[in-house]
PDB file of N, CA and C in Angstrom:
ATOM      1  N   MET A   1     105.538 121.904  79.022  1.00  0.00           N
ATOM      2  CA  MET A   1     104.123 120.931  79.240  1.00  0.00           C
ATOM      3  C   MET A   1     105.038 119.161  78.786  1.00  0.00           C
ATOM      4  N   SER A   2     104.077 118.249  79.241  1.00  0.00           N
ATOM      5  CA  SER A   2     104.585 116.815  79.361  1.00  0.00           C
ATOM      6  C   SER A   2     104.086 116.372  77.965  1.00  0.00           C
ATOM      7  N   LYS A   3     105.093 115.321  77.040  1.00  0.00           N
ATOM      8  CA  LYS A   3     104.866 115.098  75.880  1.00  0.00           C
ATOM      9  C   LYS A   3     103.484 113.418  75.385  1.00  0.00           C
ATOM     10  N   TYR A   4     103.960 113.243  76.930  1.00  0.00           N
ATOM     11  CA  TYR A   4     102.705 111.783  77.341  1.00  0.00           C
ATOM     12  C   TYR A   4     102.111 112.377  78.769  1.00  0.00           C
ATOM     13  N   SER A   5     101.126 111.231  78.711  1.00  0.00           N
ATOM     14  CA  SER A   5      99.873 111.601  79.783  1.00  0.00           C
ATOM     15  C   SER A   5      99.900 110.015  80.429  1.00  0.00           C
ATOM     16  N   LEU A   6     100.160 109.415  81.850  1.00  0.00           N
ATOM     17  CA  LEU A   6     100.130 108.212  81.780  1.00  0.00           C
ATOM     18  C   LEU A   6      99.334 108.410  83.020  1.00  0.00           C
ATOM     19  N   GLN A   7      97.628 107.776  83.073  1.00  0.00           N
ATOM     20  CA  GLN A   7      96.717 108.041  83.787  1.00  0.00           C
ATOM     21  C   GLN A   7      96.476 106.305  84.456  1.00  0.00           C
ATOM     22  N   ASP A   8      95.964 106.734  85.606  1.00  0.00           N
ATOM     23  CA  ASP A   8      95.082 105.082  86.205  1.00  0.00           C
ATOM     24  C   ASP A   8      93.486 105.581  85.933  1.00  0.00           C
ATOM     25  N   ALA A   9      93.194 104.828  85.500  1.00  0.00           N
ATOM     26  CA  ALA A   9      91.648 104.707  85.321  1.00  0.00           C
ATOM     27  C   ALA A   9      91.312 103.984  86.256  1.00  0.00           C
ATOM     28  N   GLY A  10      91.781 103.053  87.061  1.00  0.00           N
ATOM     29  CA  GLY A  10      91.241 102.264  87.852  1.00  0.00           C
ATOM     30  C   GLY A  10      90.600 100.802  87.778  1.00  0.00           C
ATOM     31  N   GLY A  11      90.818 100.393  88.721  1.00  0.00           N
ATOM     32  CA  GLY A  11      90.771  98.689  88.366  1.00  0.00           C
ATOM     33  C   GLY A  11      92.139  97.777  88.285  1.00  0.00           C
ATOM     34  N   GLY A  12      93.572  98.650  87.849  1.00  0.00           N
ATOM     35  CA  GLY A  12      94.203  97.930  86.884  1.00  0.00           C
ATOM     36  C   GLY A  12      94.129  98.691  85.577  1.00  0.00           C
ATOM     37  N   ARG A  13      93.808  99.184  85.296  1.00  0.00           N
ATOM     38  CA  ARG A  13      93.849  99.874  84.157  1.00  0.00           C
ATOM     39  C   ARG A  13      94.441 101.245  83.760  1.00  0.00           C
ATOM     40  N   PHE A  14      95.116 101.414  82.628  1.00  0.00           N
ATOM     41  CA  PHE A  14      95.626 102.998  82.788  1.00  0.00           C
ATOM     42  C   PHE A  14      95.577 103.019  81.493  1.00  0.00           C
ATOM     43  N   VAL A  15      95.250 104.709  81.011  1.00  0.00           N
ATOM     44  CA  VAL A  15      95.156 105.201  79.269  1.00  0.00           C
ATOM     45  C   VAL A  15      96.809 105.832  79.657  1.00  0.00           C
ATOM     46  N   LEU A  16      97.794 105.394  78.094  1.00  0.00           N
ATOM     47  CA  LEU A  16      98.543 106.124  78.085  1.00  0.00           C
ATOM     48  C   LEU A  16      98.273 107.047  76.684  1.00  0.00           C
ATOM     49  N   SER A  17      98.732 108.547  76.717  1.00  0.00           N
ATOM     50  CA  SER A  17      98.560 109.360  75.513  1.00  0.00           C
ATOM     51  C   SER A  17      99.485 110.155  74.999  1.00  0.00           C
ATOM     52  N   GLY A  18      99.353 110.859  74.173  1.00  0.00           N
ATOM     53  CA  GLY A  18     101.229 111.473  74.085  1.00  0.00           C
ATOM     54  C   GLY A  18     102.185 110.432  73.246  1.00  0.00           C
ATOM     55  N   ASP A  19     103.556 110.754  73.065  1.00  0.00           N
ATOM     56  CA  ASP A  19     104.194 110.521  73.045  1.00  0.00           C
ATOM     57  C   ASP A  19     104.751 108.814  73.503  1.00  0.00           C
ATOM     58  N   MET A  20     105.390 107.863  72.751  1.00  0.00           N
ATOM     59  CA  MET A  20     105.694 107.145  73.380  1.00  0.00           C
ATOM     60  C   MET A  20     107.074 106.703  72.621  1.00  0.00           C
ATOM     61  N   SER A  21     108.050 107.341  73.116  1.00  0.00           N
ATOM     62  CA  SER A  21     109.237 107.891  71.716  1.00  0.00           C
ATOM     63  C   SER A  21     110.431 107.794  72.810  1.00  0.00           C
ATOM     64  N   PHE A  22     111.599 108.357  72.070  1.00  0.00           N
ATOM     65  CA  PHE A  22     112.887 107.952  72.499  1.00  0.00           C
ATOM     66  C   PHE A  22     112.546 109.020  73.268  1.00  0.00           C
ATOM     67  N   GLU A  23     112.228 109.911  73.436  1.00  0.00           N
ATOM     68  CA  GLU A  23     112.222 111.513  74.355  1.00  0.00           C
ATOM     69  C   GLU A  23     111.392 111.076  75.702  1.00  0.00           C
ATOM     70  N   THR A  24     110.372 109.968  75.668  1.00  0.00           N
ATOM     71  CA  THR A  24     109.742 109.895  77.004  1.00  0.00           C
ATOM     72  C   THR A  24     109.412 108.473  77.515  1.00  0.00           C
ATOM     73  N   ALA A  25     110.217 107.230  76.770  1.00  0.00           N
ATOM     74  CA  ALA A  25     109.746 105.909  77.143  1.00  0.00           C
ATOM     75  C   ALA A  25     110.577 105.735  78.564  1.00  0.00           C
ATOM     76  N   GLU A  26     111.636 106.321  79.074  1.00  0.00           N
ATOM     77  CA  GLU A  26     112.442 106.336  80.157  1.00  0.00           C
ATOM     78  C   GLU A  26     111.308 106.899  81.081  1.00  0.00           C
ATOM     79  N   HIS A  27     111.222 107.828  80.863  1.00  0.00           N
ATOM     80  CA  HIS A  27     109.948 108.409  81.926  1.00  0.00           C
ATOM     81  C   HIS A  27     108.978 107.787  82.453  1.00  0.00           C
ATOM     82  N   ILE A  28     108.026 107.422  81.353  1.00  0.00           N
ATOM     83  CA  ILE A  28     106.769 106.449  81.477  1.00  0.00           C
ATOM     84  C   ILE A  28     107.271 105.422  82.168  1.00  0.00           C
ATOM     85  N   LEU A  29     108.674 104.772  81.818  1.00  0.00           N
ATOM     86  CA  LEU A  29     108.745 103.217  82.889  1.00  0.00           C
ATOM     87  C   LEU A  29     109.050 103.695  83.820  1.00  0.00           C
ATOM     88  N   ARG A  30     109.319 104.734  84.173  1.00  0.00           N
ATOM     89  CA  ARG A  30     109.643 104.918  85.643  1.00  0.00           C
ATOM     90  C   ARG A  30     108.681 105.216  86.461  1.00  0.00           C
ATOM     91  N   GLU A  31     107.603 106.647  85.850  1.00  0.00           N
ATOM     92  CA  GLU A  31     106.427 106.598  86.499  1.00  0.00           C
ATOM     93  C   GLU A  31     105.667 105.590  86.688  1.00  0.00           C
ATOM     94  N   SER A  32     105.686 104.448  85.675  1.00  0.00           N
ATOM     95  CA  SER A  32     104.910 103.236  85.948  1.00  0.00           C
ATOM     96  C   SER A  32     104.864 102.305  86.866  1.00  0.00           C
ATOM     97  N   GLU A  33     106.201 102.599  87.439  1.00  0.00           N
ATOM     98  CA  GLU A  33     106.168 101.556  88.408  1.00  0.00           C
ATOM     99  C   GLU A  33     105.711 101.507  89.543  1.00  0.00           C
ATOM    100  N   GLU A  34     105.552 102.514  90.217  1.00  0.00           N
ATOM    101  CA  GLU A  34     104.938 102.744  91.565  1.00  0.00           C
ATOM    102  C   GLU A  34     103.369 102.068  90.630  1.00  0.00           C
ATOM    103  N   MET A  35     102.978 103.133  89.970  1.00  0.00           N
ATOM    104  CA  MET A  35     101.311 102.918  89.506  1.00  0.00           C
ATOM    105  C   MET A  35     101.169 101.657  89.058  1.00  0.00           C
ATOM    106  N   PHE A  36     102.218 100.421  88.747  1.00  0.00           N
ATOM    107  CA  PHE A  36     101.597  99.361  88.016  1.00  0.00           C
ATOM    108  C   PHE A  36     101.673  98.367  89.666  1.00  0.00           C
ATOM    109  N   GLU A  37     102.563  98.736  90.802  1.00  0.00           N
ATOM    110  CA  GLU A  37     103.168  97.721  91.465  1.00  0.00           C
ATOM    111  C   GLU A  37     102.043  97.122  92.261  1.00  0.00           C
ATOM    112  N   GLN A  38     100.839  97.566  92.532  1.00  0.00           N
ATOM    113  CA  GLN A  38     100.135  97.186  93.136  1.00  0.00           C
ATOM    114  C   GLN A  38      99.110  96.132  92.880  1.00  0.00           C
ATOM    115  N   PHE A  39      99.077  96.092  91.322  1.00  0.00           N
ATOM    116  CA  PHE A  39      98.133  94.744  90.567  1.00  0.00           C
ATOM    117  C   PHE A  39      98.760  93.567  90.007  1.00  0.00           C
ATOM    118  N   THR A  40      98.060  92.530  89.783  1.00  0.00           N
ATOM    119  CA  THR A  40      98.368  91.901  89.432  1.00  0.00           C
ATOM    120  C   THR A  40      97.918  91.611  87.675  1.00  0.00           C
ATOM    121  N   ARG A  41      96.841  92.170  87.534  1.00  0.00           N
ATOM    122  CA  ARG A  41      96.624  92.125  86.397  1.00  0.00           C
ATOM    123  C   ARG A  41      96.364  93.795  85.817  1.00  0.00           C
ATOM    124  N   ILE A  42      97.065  94.231  84.727  1.00  0.00           N
ATOM    125  CA  ILE A  42      97.423  95.329  84.246  1.00  0.00           C
ATOM    126  C   ILE A  42      96.963  95.547  82.898  1.00  0.00           C
ATOM    127  N   GLU A  43      95.875  96.377  82.255  1.00  0.00           N
ATOM    128  CA  GLU A  43      95.168  96.617  80.886  1.00  0.00           C
ATOM    129  C   GLU A  43      96.121  98.074  80.555  1.00  0.00           C
ATOM    130  N   VAL A  44      97.065  98.448  79.271  1.00  0.00           N
ATOM    131  CA  VAL A  44      97.277  99.658  79.028  1.00  0.00           C
ATOM    132  C   VAL A  44      96.423 100.435  78.136  1.00  0.00           C
ATOM    133  N   ASP A  45      95.767 101.095  77.994  1.00  0.00           N
ATOM    134  CA  ASP A  45      94.922 101.883  76.594  1.00  0.00           C
ATOM    135  C   ASP A  45      95.886 102.820  75.943  1.00  0.00           C
ATOM    136  N   LEU A  46      96.373 102.404  74.730  1.00  0.00           N
ATOM    137  CA  LEU A  46      97.126 102.709  74.040  1.00  0.00           C
ATOM    138  C   LEU A  46      96.389 103.520  72.313  1.00  0.00           C
ATOM    139  N   GLY A  47      95.381 103.910  73.319  1.00  0.00           N
ATOM    140  CA  GLY A  47      94.602 104.796  71.547  1.00  0.00           C
ATOM    141  C   GLY A  47      94.416 105.943  71.470  1.00  0.00           C
ATOM    142  N   GLY A  48      95.307 106.604  72.283  1.00  0.00           N
ATOM    143  CA  GLY A  48      95.536 108.237  72.493  1.00  0.00           C
ATOM    144  C   GLY A  48      97.494 108.060  71.952  1.00  0.00           C
ATOM    145  N   VAL A  49      97.999 107.111  71.936  1.00  0.00           N
ATOM    146  CA  VAL A  49      99.451 107.531  71.782  1.00  0.00           C
ATOM    147  C   VAL A  49      99.277 108.090  70.347  1.00  0.00           C
ATOM    148  N   GLN A  50      99.820 109.507  70.121  1.00  0.00           N
ATOM    149  CA  GLN A  50     100.041 109.398  68.735  1.00  0.00           C
ATOM    150  C   GLN A  50     101.210 109.783  67.867  1.00  0.00           C
ATOM    151  N   LYS A  51     102.624 109.308  68.689  1.00  0.00           N
ATOM    152  CA  LYS A  51     103.599 109.195  67.822  1.00  0.00           C
ATOM    153  C   LYS A  51     104.271 107.963  69.050  1.00  0.00           C
ATOM    154  N   ALA A  52     104.810 106.802  68.107  1.00  0.00           N
ATOM    155  CA  ALA A  52     105.429 106.072  68.696  1.00  0.00           C
ATOM    156  C   ALA A  52     106.705 105.279  67.613  1.00  0.00           C
ATOM    157  N   ASP A  53     107.870 104.827  68.324  1.00  0.00           N
ATOM    158  CA  ASP A  53     109.111 104.359  67.691  1.00  0.00           C
ATOM    159  C   ASP A  53     109.164 103.542  68.459  1.00  0.00           C
ATOM    160  N   SER A  54     110.390 103.195  67.892  1.00  0.00           N
ATOM    161  CA  SER A  54     111.227 101.920  68.611  1.00  0.00           C
ATOM    162  C   SER A  54     111.052 101.510  69.983  1.00  0.00           C
ATOM    163  N   ALA A  55     111.542 102.791  70.717  1.00  0.00           N
ATOM    164  CA  ALA A  55     111.848 102.872  72.349  1.00  0.00           C
ATOM    165  C   ALA A  55     110.776 103.045  72.308  1.00  0.00           C
ATOM    166  N   GLY A  56     109.330 103.235  71.884  1.00  0.00           N
ATOM    167  CA  GLY A  56     107.968 102.928  72.295  1.00  0.00           C
ATOM    168  C   GLY A  56     107.696 100.863  72.408  1.00  0.00           C
ATOM    169  N   LEU A  57     108.257 100.448  71.301  1.00  0.00           N
ATOM    170  CA  LEU A  57     108.238  98.900  71.383  1.00  0.00           C
ATOM    171  C   LEU A  57     108.990  98.292  72.179  1.00  0.00           C
ATOM    172  N   ALA A  58     109.969  98.759  72.793  1.00  0.00           N
ATOM    173  CA  ALA A  58     110.803  98.200  73.932  1.00  0.00           C
ATOM    174  C   ALA A  58     110.550  98.788  75.144  1.00  0.00           C
ATOM    175  N   LEU A  59     109.302  99.739  75.257  1.00  0.00           N
ATOM    176  CA  LEU A  59     108.836 100.184  76.427  1.00  0.00           C
ATOM    177  C   LEU A  59     108.036  99.258  76.614  1.00  0.00           C
ATOM    178  N   LEU A  60     106.903  99.036  75.893  1.00  0.00           N
ATOM    179  CA  LEU A  60     106.150  97.453  75.982  1.00  0.00           C
ATOM    180  C   LEU A  60     106.528  96.238  76.490  1.00  0.00           C
ATOM    181  N   LEU A  61     107.657  96.291  75.498  1.00  0.00           N
ATOM    182  CA  LEU A  61     108.361  94.778  76.150  1.00  0.00           C
ATOM    183  C   LEU A  61     108.925  94.845  77.394  1.00  0.00           C
ATOM    184  N   GLU A  62     109.549  95.809  77.732  1.00  0.00           N
ATOM    185  CA  GLU A  62     110.121  96.510  79.047  1.00  0.00           C
ATOM    186  C   GLU A  62     108.968  95.949  80.682  1.00  0.00           C
ATOM    187  N   TRP A  63     107.758  96.217  80.037  1.00  0.00           N
ATOM    188  CA  TRP A  63     106.593  96.242  81.034  1.00  0.00           C
ATOM    189  C   TRP A  63     106.495  94.807  80.751  1.00  0.00           C
ATOM    190  N   ILE A  64     106.195  93.692  79.597  1.00  0.00           N
ATOM    191  CA  ILE A  64     106.109  92.611  79.348  1.00  0.00           C
ATOM    192  C   ILE A  64     107.300  91.897  80.348  1.00  0.00           C
ATOM    193  N   THR A  65     108.683  92.173  80.177  1.00  0.00           N
ATOM    194  CA  THR A  65     109.549  91.427  81.099  1.00  0.00           C
ATOM    195  C   THR A  65     109.035  91.663  82.083  1.00  0.00           C
ATOM    196  N   TRP A  66     108.967  92.608  82.670  1.00  0.00           N
ATOM    197  CA  TRP A  66     108.903  92.603  84.279  1.00  0.00           C
ATOM    198  C   TRP A  66     107.639  92.029  84.564  1.00  0.00           C
ATOM    199  N   ALA A  67     106.551  92.163  84.021  1.00  0.00           N
ATOM    200  CA  ALA A  67     105.558  91.355  84.317  1.00  0.00           C
ATOM    201  C   ALA A  67     105.743  89.827  84.790  1.00  0.00           C
ATOM    202  N   ASN A  68     106.138  88.852  83.515  1.00  0.00           N
ATOM    203  CA  ASN A  68     106.603  87.578  83.583  1.00  0.00           C
ATOM    204  C   ASN A  68     107.635  87.483  84.562  1.00  0.00           C
ATOM    205  N   HIS A  69     108.337  88.955  85.102  1.00  0.00           N
ATOM    206  CA  HIS A  69     109.234  88.083  86.405  1.00  0.00           C
ATOM    207  C   HIS A  69     108.651  88.604  87.539  1.00  0.00           C
ATOM    208  N   THR A  70     107.557  88.865  87.771  1.00  0.00           N
ATOM    209  CA  THR A  70     106.508  88.957  88.893  1.00  0.00           C
ATOM    210  C   THR A  70     105.245  88.380  88.997  1.00  0.00           C
ATOM    211  N   VAL A  71     105.288  87.743  87.849  1.00  0.00           N
ATOM    212  CA  VAL A  71     103.960  86.745  87.928  1.00  0.00           C
ATOM    213  C   VAL A  71     102.904  87.771  88.375  1.00  0.00           C
ATOM    214  N   ARG A  72     102.952  88.648  86.921  1.00  0.00           N
ATOM    215  CA  ARG A  72     101.515  89.171  86.613  1.00  0.00           C
ATOM    216  C   ARG A  72     101.005  89.423  85.207  1.00  0.00           C
ATOM    217  N   GLU A  73     100.181  89.768  84.868  1.00  0.00           N
ATOM    218  CA  GLU A  73      99.212  90.032  83.392  1.00  0.00           C
ATOM    219  C   GLU A  73      99.510  91.633  83.014  1.00  0.00           C
ATOM    220  N   ILE A  74      99.921  91.754  82.173  1.00  0.00           N
ATOM    221  CA  ILE A  74      99.675  92.986  80.864  1.00  0.00           C
ATOM    222  C   ILE A  74      98.962  92.866  79.611  1.00  0.00           C
ATOM    223  N   HIS A  75      97.896  93.598  79.318  1.00  0.00           N
ATOM    224  CA  HIS A  75      97.734  93.308  78.427  1.00  0.00           C
ATOM    225  C   HIS A  75      97.007  94.794  77.339  1.00  0.00           C
ATOM    226  N   TYR A  76      97.567  94.723  76.129  1.00  0.00           N
ATOM    227  CA  TYR A  76      97.629  96.335  75.533  1.00  0.00           C
ATOM    228  C   TYR A  76      95.984  96.293  74.670  1.00  0.00           C
ATOM    229  N   ILE A  77      95.511  97.366  74.896  1.00  0.00           N
ATOM    230  CA  ILE A  77      94.512  97.516  73.709  1.00  0.00           C
ATOM    231  C   ILE A  77      94.603  98.671  73.364  1.00  0.00           C
ATOM    232  N   ASP A  78      94.677  98.703  71.778  1.00  0.00           N
ATOM    233  CA  ASP A  78      94.790  99.972  70.897  1.00  0.00           C
ATOM    234  C   ASP A  78      95.759 100.114  70.425  1.00  0.00           C
ATOM    235  N   MET A  79      96.587  99.257  70.375  1.00  0.00           N
ATOM    236  CA  MET A  79      98.151  99.409  69.779  1.00  0.00           C
ATOM    237  C   MET A  79      98.283  99.914  68.526  1.00  0.00           C
ATOM    238  N   PRO A  80      99.367 101.015  68.450  1.00  0.00           N
ATOM    239  CA  PRO A  80      99.232 101.879  67.694  1.00  0.00           C
ATOM    240  C   PRO A  80      99.889 101.598  66.239  1.00  0.00           C
ATOM    241  N   ALA A  81      99.703 101.383  65.452  1.00  0.00           N
ATOM    242  CA  ALA A  81     100.194 100.727  64.183  1.00  0.00           C
ATOM    243  C   ALA A  81     101.298 100.812  64.004  1.00  0.00           C
ATOM    244  N   ARG A  82     102.061 102.239  64.146  1.00  0.00           N
ATOM    245  CA  ARG A  82     103.476 102.263  64.420  1.00  0.00           C
ATOM    246  C   ARG A  82     104.494 100.934  65.284  1.00  0.00           C
ATOM    247  N   ILE A  83     103.849 100.771  66.163  1.00  0.00           N
ATOM    248  CA  ILE A  83     104.447  99.750  66.781  1.00  0.00           C
ATOM    249  C   ILE A  83     104.562  98.223  66.451  1.00  0.00           C
ATOM    250  N   ILE A  84     102.963  98.194  65.889  1.00  0.00           N
ATOM    251  CA  ILE A  84     102.819  96.768  65.177  1.00  0.00           C
ATOM    252  C   ILE A  84     103.951  96.528  64.278  1.00  0.00           C
ATOM    253  N   ALA A  85     104.073  98.090  63.114  1.00  0.00           N
ATOM    254  CA  ALA A  85     104.581  97.849  62.099  1.00  0.00           C
ATOM    255  C   ALA A  85     106.274  97.433  62.014  1.00  0.00           C
ATOM    256  N   ILE A  86     106.112  98.227  63.305  1.00  0.00           N
ATOM    257  CA  ILE A  86     108.072  98.124  64.027  1.00  0.00           C
ATOM    258  C   ILE A  86     107.929  96.439  64.065  1.00  0.00           C
ATOM    259  N   ALA A  87     107.312  95.716  65.128  1.00  0.00           N
ATOM    260  CA  ALA A  87     107.256  94.863  65.480  1.00  0.00           C
ATOM    261  C   ALA A  87     107.415  93.814  64.569  1.00  0.00           C
ATOM    262  N   LYS A  88     106.814  94.005  63.544  1.00  0.00           N
ATOM    263  CA  LYS A  88     106.614  93.092  62.670  1.00  0.00           C
ATOM    264  C   LYS A  88     107.059  92.860  61.618  1.00  0.00           C
ATOM    265  N   THR A  89     108.319  94.075  61.312  1.00  0.00           N
ATOM    266  CA  THR A  89     109.358  94.270  60.154  1.00  0.00           C
ATOM    267  C   THR A  89     110.845  94.100  61.200  1.00  0.00           C
ATOM    268  N   THR A  90     111.168  93.824  62.507  1.00  0.00           N
ATOM    269  CA  THR A  90     111.725  92.882  63.482  1.00  0.00           C
ATOM    270  C   THR A  90     111.735  91.664  63.773  1.00  0.00           C
ATOM    271  N   GLU A  91     110.466  91.404  63.481  1.00  0.00           N
ATOM    272  CA  GLU A  91     109.819  89.423  63.838  1.00  0.00           C
ATOM    273  C   GLU A  91     109.676  89.553  65.198  1.00  0.00           C
ATOM    274  N   ILE A  92     109.235  90.768  65.892  1.00  0.00           N
ATOM    275  CA  ILE A  92     109.214  90.622  67.296  1.00  0.00           C
ATOM    276  C   ILE A  92     107.765  90.397  67.669  1.00  0.00           C
ATOM    277  N   ASP A  93     106.734  90.819  66.181  1.00  0.00           N
ATOM    278  CA  ASP A  93     105.202  90.712  66.872  1.00  0.00           C
ATOM    279  C   ASP A  93     104.764  89.863  68.059  1.00  0.00           C
ATOM    280  N   HIS A  94     105.100  88.356  67.749  1.00  0.00           N
ATOM    281  CA  HIS A  94     104.763  87.246  68.483  1.00  0.00           C
ATOM    282  C   HIS A  94     104.716  87.859  69.736  1.00  0.00           C
ATOM    283  N   MET A  95     105.710  88.629  70.475  1.00  0.00           N
ATOM    284  CA  MET A  95     105.964  89.215  72.280  1.00  0.00           C
ATOM    285  C   MET A  95     105.219  90.077  72.199  1.00  0.00           C
ATOM    286  N   LEU A  96     104.231  90.435  71.966  1.00  0.00           N
ATOM    287  CA  LEU A  96     103.101  91.568  72.158  1.00  0.00           C
ATOM    288  C   LEU A  96     102.156  91.248  73.266  1.00  0.00           C
ATOM    289  N   ASN A  97     102.090  89.824  73.276  1.00  0.00           N
ATOM    290  CA  ASN A  97     100.685  88.946  73.886  1.00  0.00           C
ATOM    291  C   ASN A  97     101.551  87.999  74.898  1.00  0.00           C
ATOM    292  N   ARG A  98     102.894  88.252  74.991  1.00  0.00           N
ATOM    293  CA  ARG A  98     103.442  87.574  76.033  1.00  0.00           C
ATOM    294  C   ARG A  98     103.042  87.819  77.470  1.00  0.00           C
ATOM    295  N   GLY A  99     103.001  89.370  77.600  1.00  0.00           N
ATOM    296  CA  GLY A  99     102.699  89.550  78.910  1.00  0.00           C
ATOM    297  C   GLY A  99     101.552  88.021  79.821  1.00  0.00           C
ATOM    298  N   GLU A 100     100.357  88.543  78.439  1.00  0.00           N
ATOM    299  CA  GLU A 100      98.993  87.979  79.004  1.00  0.00           C
ATOM    300  C   GLU A 100      99.051  85.838  79.370  1.00  0.00           C
ATOM    301  N   ARG A 101      99.129  85.789  80.687  1.00  0.00           N
ATOM    302  CA  ARG A 101      99.081  84.352  81.392  1.00  0.00           C
ATOM    303  C   ARG A 101      97.502  83.941  81.203  1.00  0.00           C
ATOM    304  N   TRP A 102      96.754  84.529  81.417  1.00  0.00           N
ATOM    305  CA  TRP A 102      95.580  84.176  82.447  1.00  0.00           C
ATOM    306  C   TRP A 102      94.414  84.487  80.829  1.00  0.00           C
ATOM    307  N   SER A 103      93.387  83.821  81.063  1.00  0.00           N
ATOM    308  CA  SER A 103      92.393  84.199  79.600  1.00  0.00           C
ATOM    309  C   SER A 103      91.454  84.804  79.982  1.00  0.00           C
ATOM    310  N   GLY A 104      90.755  85.687  79.258  1.00  0.00           N
ATOM    311  CA  GLY A 104      89.699  86.753  80.097  1.00  0.00           C
ATOM    312  C   GLY A 104      90.184  87.640  80.768  1.00  0.00           C
ATOM    313  N   PHE A 105      91.031  88.921  80.259  1.00  0.00           N
ATOM    314  CA  PHE A 105      91.268  89.430  81.269  1.00  0.00           C
ATOM    315  C   PHE A 105      90.406  90.482  82.149  1.00  0.00           C
ATOM    316  N   ILE A 106      90.958  90.363  83.011  1.00  0.00           N
ATOM    317  CA  ILE A 106      90.095  91.452  83.974  1.00  0.00           C
ATOM    318  C   ILE A 106      90.518  92.028  84.901  1.00  0.00           C
ATOM    319  N   GLY A 107      91.030  93.282  84.822  1.00  0.00           N
ATOM    320  CA  GLY A 107      91.827  94.176  86.034  1.00  0.00           C
ATOM    321  C   GLY A 107      91.408  93.728  87.208  1.00  0.00           C
ATOM    322  N   ALA A 108      92.151  93.999  88.288  1.00  0.00           N
ATOM    323  CA  ALA A 108      91.858  93.099  89.451  1.00  0.00           C
ATOM    324  C   ALA A 108      93.408  93.647  90.261  1.00  0.00           C
ATOM    325  N   THR A 109      93.473  93.767  91.760  1.00  0.00           N
ATOM    326  CA  THR A 109      94.402  93.575  92.634  1.00  0.00           C
ATOM    327  C   THR A 109      94.806  92.877  93.548  1.00  0.00           C
ATOM    328  N   ASP A 110      95.853  93.060  93.981  1.00  0.00           N
ATOM    329  CA  ASP A 110      95.751  91.234  94.755  1.00  0.00           C
ATOM    330  C   ASP A 110      94.881  91.848  96.014  1.00  0.00           C
ATOM    331  N   ALA A 111      94.178  93.051  96.155  1.00  0.00           N
ATOM    332  CA  ALA A 111      93.557  92.252  97.198  1.00  0.00           C
ATOM    333  C   ALA A 111      91.859  91.627  96.840  1.00  0.00           C
ATOM    334  N   ASP A 112      91.756  91.212  95.873  1.00  0.00           N
ATOM    335  CA  ASP A 112      90.567  91.499  95.169  1.00  0.00           C
ATOM    336  C   ASP A 112      90.927  89.403  95.198  1.00  0.00           C
TER     337      ASP A 112
END
């Protein structure tokens, strides 16, 4: 049984639940590559994440880096408190919104 689930909710919106940790971060990243590819604006709902650690933070930062390098926007909702705490402790919490290029996030595909 998988320790996480990454589901496509349509229109560039995705829902991540379960663990976002050392055990799962690389798998989540690989799974997301094809899922995210067709969208210019992506929203990831993290409200269902039950376990998170610094590898989960690294995953979010990797998605931001990818979005910036490919001229996309990525926005996170319901950020786990553990991720926020780790980001603040390491003084990188300001980086968690660097994937948001446009105001008024609306999930969209390149075809829209």
